[in-house]
N, C-alpha and C. Protein backbone atom coordinates (compact mmCIF):
# COMPACT_ATOMS: atom_id res chain seq x y z
N MET A 1 115.15 63.48 82.15
CA MET A 1 116.69 64.27 81.62
C MET A 1 116.52 66.00 81.63
N LEU A 2 117.49 66.48 81.96
CA LEU A 2 117.53 67.97 81.86
C LEU A 2 118.61 68.68 80.61
N PHE A 3 118.07 69.38 80.26
CA PHE A 3 118.84 70.04 79.35
C PHE A 3 119.17 71.56 79.75
N MET A 4 119.91 72.43 79.09
CA MET A 4 120.20 73.77 79.15
C MET A 4 119.64 74.29 77.75
N GLU A 5 118.56 75.22 78.12
CA GLU A 5 117.89 75.74 76.90
C GLU A 5 119.17 76.82 76.25
N PRO A 6 119.60 76.87 74.99
CA PRO A 6 120.60 77.86 75.27
C PRO A 6 119.98 78.96 74.23
N GLU A 7 118.95 79.71 74.26
CA GLU A 7 118.33 80.80 74.36
C GLU A 7 117.89 81.22 75.19
N ALA A 8 117.00 80.33 76.30
CA ALA A 8 116.67 81.38 77.46
C ALA A 8 117.48 81.14 78.65
N SER A 9 118.36 80.10 78.51
CA SER A 9 119.37 79.75 79.54
C SER A 9 118.36 79.22 80.94
N VAL A 10 117.42 78.79 81.12
CA VAL A 10 116.65 77.89 81.76
C VAL A 10 116.38 76.42 81.68
N ILE A 11 116.60 75.85 83.26
CA ILE A 11 116.83 74.50 82.88
C ILE A 11 115.00 73.85 82.54
N VAL A 12 115.15 73.08 81.68
CA VAL A 12 113.85 72.88 81.56
C VAL A 12 113.85 71.10 80.89
N GLU A 13 112.72 70.82 81.40
CA GLU A 13 112.70 69.22 81.31
C GLU A 13 112.21 68.53 80.49
N SER A 14 112.90 67.81 79.70
CA SER A 14 112.25 67.46 78.07
C SER A 14 111.04 66.67 77.82
N GLY A 15 110.73 65.76 78.89
CA GLY A 15 109.56 65.30 78.83
C GLY A 15 109.24 64.46 80.29
N MET A 16 107.81 64.65 80.39
CA MET A 16 107.48 64.07 81.44
C MET A 16 107.58 62.78 81.88
N ASP A 17 107.96 62.00 82.89
CA ASP A 17 107.66 60.63 83.32
C ASP A 17 105.84 60.82 84.20
N LEU A 18 105.32 60.37 83.21
CA LEU A 18 103.88 60.41 83.77
C LEU A 18 103.28 58.62 83.67
N THR A 19 102.65 58.36 84.96
CA THR A 19 102.07 56.87 85.16
C THR A 19 100.76 56.82 84.02
N SER A 20 100.44 55.54 84.07
CA SER A 20 99.39 55.58 83.41
C SER A 20 98.06 55.86 83.92
N GLU A 21 98.02 55.74 85.33
CA GLU A 21 96.94 56.47 85.94
C GLU A 21 97.25 58.25 85.88
N GLN A 22 98.15 58.86 85.91
CA GLN A 22 98.47 60.00 85.71
C GLN A 22 97.54 60.61 84.26
N MET A 23 98.00 59.76 83.15
CA MET A 23 97.75 60.09 82.02
C MET A 23 95.91 59.79 81.78
N ALA A 24 95.48 58.74 82.63
CA ALA A 24 94.16 58.57 82.37
C ALA A 24 93.63 59.81 83.00
N GLU A 25 94.27 60.12 84.15
CA GLU A 25 93.30 61.47 84.61
C GLU A 25 93.17 62.66 83.91
N LEU A 26 94.76 62.95 83.54
CA LEU A 26 94.65 64.34 82.59
C LEU A 26 93.80 64.09 81.61
N ARG A 27 93.90 62.68 80.68
CA ARG A 27 93.04 62.70 79.66
C ARG A 27 91.31 63.04 80.17
N GLU A 28 91.20 62.50 81.11
CA GLU A 28 89.65 62.53 81.34
C GLU A 28 89.63 64.19 82.03
N LEU A 29 90.62 65.07 82.11
CA LEU A 29 90.86 66.10 82.73
C LEU A 29 90.18 67.27 81.26
N ALA A 30 90.93 66.87 80.28
CA ALA A 30 90.89 67.70 79.23
C ALA A 30 89.65 67.15 78.45
N GLY A 31 89.68 66.18 78.68
CA GLY A 31 88.30 66.26 77.61
C GLY A 31 87.25 66.44 78.33
N SER A 32 86.92 66.76 79.84
CA SER A 32 86.38 67.37 79.99
C SER A 32 85.00 68.39 79.91
N ARG A 33 83.70 68.84 79.71
CA ARG A 33 83.22 69.85 80.00
C ARG A 33 82.78 70.75 81.15
N ASP A 34 83.32 69.97 82.41
CA ASP A 34 83.00 70.06 83.60
C ASP A 34 84.04 71.23 84.31
N VAL A 35 85.07 71.23 83.49
CA VAL A 35 86.20 72.23 83.97
C VAL A 35 86.62 73.58 82.82
N PRO A 36 86.99 74.46 83.37
CA PRO A 36 87.08 75.86 82.72
C PRO A 36 88.20 75.26 81.65
N ALA A 37 87.84 75.78 80.73
CA ALA A 37 88.73 75.69 79.32
C ALA A 37 90.78 75.77 79.83
N ASP A 38 90.67 76.92 80.57
CA ASP A 38 92.03 76.89 80.85
C ASP A 38 92.53 76.01 81.62
N VAL A 39 91.96 74.79 82.76
CA VAL A 39 92.68 74.22 82.84
C VAL A 39 92.70 72.82 82.15
N ALA A 40 91.62 72.76 81.37
CA ALA A 40 92.06 71.68 79.97
C ALA A 40 92.71 71.77 79.20
N LEU A 41 93.18 72.74 78.98
CA LEU A 41 94.46 73.28 77.90
C LEU A 41 95.68 73.04 79.03
N ARG A 42 95.54 73.22 79.90
CA ARG A 42 97.08 73.00 80.93
C ARG A 42 97.07 71.66 81.15
N ALA A 43 96.37 70.72 81.45
CA ALA A 43 96.15 69.20 80.99
C ALA A 43 96.40 68.82 79.82
N ARG A 44 96.31 69.27 79.07
CA ARG A 44 96.23 68.77 77.29
C ARG A 44 98.20 69.19 77.09
N ILE A 45 98.61 70.17 77.81
CA ILE A 45 99.74 70.31 77.64
C ILE A 45 100.79 69.52 78.75
N VAL A 46 100.58 68.98 80.00
CA VAL A 46 101.40 68.25 80.69
C VAL A 46 101.21 66.66 79.79
N LEU A 47 99.66 66.39 79.03
CA LEU A 47 99.67 65.33 78.65
C LEU A 47 100.28 65.33 77.76
N TRP A 48 100.74 65.96 76.51
CA TRP A 48 101.55 66.01 75.35
C TRP A 48 102.53 65.96 75.81
N SER A 49 103.20 66.52 76.96
CA SER A 49 104.87 66.49 77.35
C SER A 49 104.77 65.16 78.11
N GLY A 50 104.13 64.54 78.63
CA GLY A 50 104.17 63.01 78.41
C GLY A 50 104.18 62.25 78.08
N GLU A 51 103.66 62.49 76.44
CA GLU A 51 103.77 61.59 75.36
C GLU A 51 105.29 61.49 74.79
N GLY A 52 105.73 62.68 75.28
CA GLY A 52 107.22 63.02 74.89
C GLY A 52 107.55 64.10 73.69
N ARG A 53 106.05 64.60 73.13
CA ARG A 53 106.25 66.09 72.16
C ARG A 53 107.40 67.03 72.79
N ARG A 54 107.84 67.51 71.71
CA ARG A 54 108.72 68.95 71.99
C ARG A 54 108.09 69.88 72.56
N ARG A 55 108.90 70.70 73.40
CA ARG A 55 108.17 72.03 73.94
C ARG A 55 107.99 72.87 72.90
N LYS A 56 108.53 73.12 71.86
CA LYS A 56 108.15 73.92 70.31
C LYS A 56 107.04 73.88 70.08
N ASP A 57 106.63 72.06 70.26
CA ASP A 57 105.33 71.64 69.29
C ASP A 57 104.21 71.49 70.25
N ILE A 58 104.11 71.36 71.51
CA ILE A 58 103.17 71.69 72.45
C ILE A 58 102.59 73.07 72.40
N ALA A 59 103.89 73.92 72.47
CA ALA A 59 103.57 75.38 72.63
C ALA A 59 102.58 75.68 71.43
N GLU A 60 103.08 75.19 70.07
CA GLU A 60 102.21 75.91 69.08
C GLU A 60 101.37 74.77 68.92
N LEU A 61 101.00 73.85 69.43
CA LEU A 61 99.81 73.12 69.29
C LEU A 61 99.12 73.92 70.39
N ALA A 62 99.38 74.32 71.55
CA ALA A 62 98.24 74.90 72.35
C ALA A 62 98.35 76.29 71.90
N GLY A 63 99.12 76.96 71.34
CA GLY A 63 98.91 78.07 71.08
C GLY A 63 99.13 79.47 72.45
N VAL A 64 100.04 78.88 73.03
CA VAL A 64 100.81 79.58 74.08
C VAL A 64 102.40 79.83 73.75
N ALA A 65 102.81 80.16 74.74
CA ALA A 65 104.19 81.04 74.71
C ALA A 65 105.60 79.69 75.29
N PRO A 66 106.37 79.11 75.00
CA PRO A 66 106.63 78.34 74.91
C PRO A 66 107.33 77.96 76.93
N LEU A 67 107.39 79.26 77.61
CA LEU A 67 107.50 79.42 78.82
C LEU A 67 106.47 79.07 79.45
N THR A 68 104.96 79.16 78.60
CA THR A 68 103.85 78.85 79.52
C THR A 68 103.77 76.83 79.63
N VAL A 69 104.23 76.35 78.94
CA VAL A 69 104.56 75.17 78.64
C VAL A 69 105.22 74.74 79.84
N ASP A 70 106.42 75.56 79.79
CA ASP A 70 107.48 75.18 80.93
C ASP A 70 106.44 75.38 82.47
N ARG A 71 105.70 76.43 82.06
CA ARG A 71 105.24 76.70 83.81
C ARG A 71 104.26 75.55 84.01
N CYS A 72 103.68 75.32 83.17
CA CYS A 72 102.57 74.09 83.37
C CYS A 72 103.45 73.07 83.89
N LYS A 73 104.18 72.60 83.17
CA LYS A 73 104.55 71.42 83.72
C LYS A 73 105.40 71.40 85.00
N ALA A 74 106.11 72.26 85.37
CA ALA A 74 106.68 72.58 86.85
C ALA A 74 105.55 72.62 87.54
N ARG A 75 104.26 73.27 87.41
CA ARG A 75 103.43 73.50 88.62
C ARG A 75 102.77 71.97 88.71
N TYR A 76 102.64 71.47 87.19
CA TYR A 76 102.02 69.99 87.89
C TYR A 76 102.81 69.06 88.12
N ALA A 77 104.31 69.17 88.08
CA ALA A 77 105.39 68.53 88.54
C ALA A 77 105.25 68.49 90.43
N GLU A 78 104.92 69.84 90.62
CA GLU A 78 105.30 70.41 91.98
C GLU A 78 103.77 70.36 93.03
N ARG A 79 102.68 70.42 92.53
CA ARG A 79 101.60 70.28 92.89
C ARG A 79 100.30 69.20 92.56
N GLY A 80 100.43 68.40 91.47
CA GLY A 80 99.64 67.35 90.61
C GLY A 80 98.66 68.32 89.82
N LEU A 81 97.58 67.42 90.12
CA LEU A 81 96.26 68.14 89.43
C LEU A 81 95.98 69.63 89.84
N ALA A 82 96.31 69.82 91.10
CA ALA A 82 96.17 71.23 91.61
C ALA A 82 96.52 72.28 91.20
N GLY A 83 98.21 72.00 90.74
CA GLY A 83 98.82 72.68 89.97
C GLY A 83 98.56 73.23 88.65
N LEU A 84 97.07 72.14 87.89
CA LEU A 84 96.75 72.94 86.65
C LEU A 84 95.81 74.22 87.23
N GLU A 85 95.19 74.47 88.29
CA GLU A 85 93.95 75.39 88.71
C GLU A 85 95.01 76.98 88.40
N GLU A 86 93.88 77.59 88.27
CA GLU A 86 94.74 78.98 87.88
C GLU A 86 95.10 79.26 89.49
N LYS A 87 96.26 79.99 89.82
CA LYS A 87 96.63 80.85 91.04
C LYS A 87 95.60 81.80 91.32
N ARG A 88 95.76 82.20 92.55
CA ARG A 88 94.82 82.92 93.11
C ARG A 88 95.34 83.94 93.03
N ARG A 89 95.21 85.22 92.70
CA ARG A 89 95.31 86.56 92.33
C ARG A 89 95.14 87.51 93.77
N GLY A 90 95.87 88.64 93.53
CA GLY A 90 94.98 89.53 95.13
C GLY A 90 93.48 89.26 95.04
N GLY A 91 92.96 89.50 96.50
CA GLY A 91 91.36 90.04 96.47
C GLY A 91 91.45 91.20 96.05
N PRO A 92 90.07 91.26 96.34
CA PRO A 92 89.33 92.64 96.08
C PRO A 92 89.58 93.53 97.25
N ARG A 93 89.59 94.89 96.89
CA ARG A 93 89.59 95.66 97.88
C ARG A 93 88.63 95.21 98.97
N THR A 94 89.15 95.57 100.69
CA THR A 94 88.19 95.21 101.23
C THR A 94 87.07 96.66 101.43
N GLN A 95 85.79 96.12 101.59
CA GLN A 95 84.84 97.18 101.44
C GLN A 95 84.81 97.87 102.51
N VAL A 96 84.00 99.39 102.76
CA VAL A 96 83.80 99.81 104.10
C VAL A 96 82.78 99.46 104.52
N PRO A 97 82.53 99.23 106.06
CA PRO A 97 81.61 98.26 106.59
C PRO A 97 80.40 99.15 106.42
N PRO A 98 78.91 98.70 106.45
CA PRO A 98 77.43 99.92 106.17
C PRO A 98 77.75 100.26 107.35
N GLN A 99 78.31 100.22 108.65
CA GLN A 99 78.45 101.53 109.62
C GLN A 99 78.99 102.46 109.28
N VAL A 100 80.43 102.03 108.90
CA VAL A 100 80.73 103.20 108.47
C VAL A 100 80.14 104.42 107.70
N GLN A 101 79.21 103.79 106.82
CA GLN A 101 78.81 104.54 105.44
C GLN A 101 77.57 105.27 106.38
N ALA A 102 76.87 104.83 107.26
CA ALA A 102 75.44 105.16 108.21
C ALA A 102 76.42 106.38 108.65
N ARG A 103 77.49 105.88 109.16
CA ARG A 103 78.20 107.39 110.18
C ARG A 103 78.07 108.78 109.12
N VAL A 104 78.70 107.96 108.00
CA VAL A 104 78.99 109.14 107.25
C VAL A 104 77.76 109.97 107.18
N ILE A 105 76.41 109.26 106.53
CA ILE A 105 75.12 110.26 106.37
C ILE A 105 74.80 110.63 107.55
N ALA A 106 74.93 110.31 108.78
CA ALA A 106 74.51 110.65 109.91
C ALA A 106 75.25 112.33 110.02
N LEU A 107 76.52 111.86 110.02
CA LEU A 107 77.19 113.55 110.72
C LEU A 107 77.04 114.14 109.36
N THR A 108 76.56 113.76 108.35
CA THR A 108 76.51 114.95 106.95
C THR A 108 75.38 115.88 107.24
N ARG A 109 74.17 114.93 108.28
CA ARG A 109 72.78 115.60 108.75
C ARG A 109 73.41 116.70 109.69
N MET A 110 74.32 116.46 110.53
CA MET A 110 74.50 117.32 111.87
C MET A 110 75.83 118.28 111.32
N SER A 111 75.53 119.12 111.86
CA SER A 111 76.52 120.70 111.96
C SER A 111 77.80 119.97 112.26
N PRO A 112 79.00 120.45 111.42
CA PRO A 112 80.22 120.09 111.98
C PRO A 112 80.27 120.82 113.58
N PRO A 113 81.30 119.89 114.62
CA PRO A 113 81.37 120.84 115.76
C PRO A 113 82.00 121.62 115.69
N ALA A 114 81.15 122.48 117.03
CA ALA A 114 81.85 124.41 117.15
C ALA A 114 82.98 124.48 117.10
N GLU A 115 84.18 123.87 117.73
CA GLU A 115 85.53 123.94 117.93
C GLU A 115 86.29 124.17 116.42
N SER A 116 85.43 123.07 115.50
CA SER A 116 85.83 122.68 114.23
C SER A 116 86.18 124.43 113.51
N GLY A 117 85.19 125.28 113.62
CA GLY A 117 85.15 126.75 113.31
C GLY A 117 84.21 126.48 111.58
N LEU A 118 83.63 125.52 111.43
CA LEU A 118 83.46 125.15 110.06
C LEU A 118 81.96 124.96 110.53
N SER A 119 81.34 126.08 109.11
CA SER A 119 79.43 126.31 109.22
C SER A 119 78.87 124.65 108.15
N HIS A 120 79.45 124.24 107.56
CA HIS A 120 79.34 122.76 106.98
C HIS A 120 79.97 122.05 106.96
N TRP A 121 79.90 121.04 106.54
CA TRP A 121 80.99 119.91 106.04
C TRP A 121 81.39 119.96 104.99
N SER A 122 82.72 119.91 104.32
CA SER A 122 83.31 119.39 103.09
C SER A 122 83.59 117.97 103.20
N THR A 123 83.54 117.12 102.05
CA THR A 123 84.02 116.02 101.89
C THR A 123 85.67 115.62 102.68
N ARG A 124 86.57 116.80 102.28
CA ARG A 124 87.82 116.50 102.80
C ARG A 124 88.01 116.60 104.44
N ALA A 125 86.92 117.61 104.91
CA ALA A 125 86.43 117.65 106.39
C ALA A 125 85.81 116.71 107.13
N LEU A 126 84.96 116.16 106.67
CA LEU A 126 84.21 114.77 107.35
C LEU A 126 85.03 113.79 106.94
N ALA A 127 85.46 113.42 105.54
CA ALA A 127 86.47 112.19 106.09
C ALA A 127 87.62 113.04 106.94
N ASP A 128 88.26 113.62 107.34
CA ASP A 128 89.26 113.77 108.48
C ASP A 128 89.13 113.41 109.60
N HIS A 129 87.79 114.00 109.97
CA HIS A 129 87.14 114.12 111.49
C HIS A 129 86.69 112.98 111.41
N LEU A 130 86.37 111.77 110.76
CA LEU A 130 86.02 110.40 110.91
C LEU A 130 87.48 109.57 111.41
N LYS A 131 88.69 110.59 110.70
CA LYS A 131 89.98 109.44 111.12
C LYS A 131 90.42 109.96 112.12
N ARG A 132 90.33 111.12 112.54
CA ARG A 132 90.85 111.80 113.97
C ARG A 132 89.79 111.15 115.01
N ARG A 133 89.02 111.79 114.65
CA ARG A 133 87.70 111.17 116.17
C ARG A 133 87.52 109.93 116.25
N GLU A 134 86.56 109.53 115.06
CA GLU A 134 86.43 107.90 115.36
C GLU A 134 87.23 106.74 114.87
N GLY A 135 88.18 107.18 114.39
CA GLY A 135 89.46 106.22 113.99
C GLY A 135 88.80 105.29 112.83
N ASN A 136 88.09 105.74 111.85
CA ASN A 136 87.52 105.28 110.90
C ASN A 136 87.79 105.70 109.47
N SER A 137 89.13 105.11 108.64
CA SER A 137 90.05 105.72 107.63
C SER A 137 89.42 105.73 106.35
N VAL A 138 88.40 106.89 105.94
CA VAL A 138 87.72 106.78 105.07
C VAL A 138 88.24 108.11 103.80
N SER A 139 88.27 107.83 102.38
CA SER A 139 88.80 109.16 101.49
C SER A 139 88.02 109.65 101.56
N TRP A 140 88.27 111.06 101.07
CA TRP A 140 87.21 112.17 100.27
C TRP A 140 86.18 111.56 99.33
N HIS A 141 87.14 111.06 98.35
CA HIS A 141 86.32 110.35 97.36
C HIS A 141 85.03 109.55 97.82
N TYR A 142 85.32 108.80 98.62
CA TYR A 142 84.46 107.84 99.07
C TYR A 142 83.19 108.78 99.95
N VAL A 143 83.80 109.77 100.83
CA VAL A 143 82.59 110.52 101.37
C VAL A 143 81.74 111.11 100.12
N ALA A 144 82.08 111.68 98.88
CA ALA A 144 81.73 112.42 97.83
C ALA A 144 80.44 111.15 97.42
N ARG A 145 81.31 109.88 97.23
CA ARG A 145 80.50 109.34 96.58
C ARG A 145 79.34 108.78 97.33
N ILE A 146 79.40 109.13 98.19
CA ILE A 146 77.87 108.45 99.37
C ILE A 146 77.16 110.22 99.22
N TRP A 147 77.77 111.29 98.96
CA TRP A 147 76.54 111.79 99.11
C TRP A 147 76.21 111.94 97.59
N ALA A 148 76.76 111.82 96.60
CA ALA A 148 76.20 111.78 95.29
C ALA A 148 75.18 110.53 95.29
């Protein structure tokens, strides 16, 4: 059964229809010590919804916002138990390959090319040289960190 929530104007499912197998899976997941606490909490939220509890009561029991209750239920309805897992966020920035670091160190030990008109490397000049001549794009901050 769907109803329109007046204050949020979002369509929310009032209760989830769960099979006895789904309820058993969710109970096991909610009580397991082998799963992260946030996954167990999401399982409890879906379980409480399947028991017919109100959205507001579930939010209060779980200590979360009502929108979080809606999100947990929607993810479970969409993807099942996999929906209870944390969504993957953007990964870490790609690291500079070790060969580039070695090249920065090697160039540091050499004098700049004669056509550059430089007597010694600066962090910016070395980063620019690597980008223009060798196709390795590194920031001058990165060069400074290696030098430090």
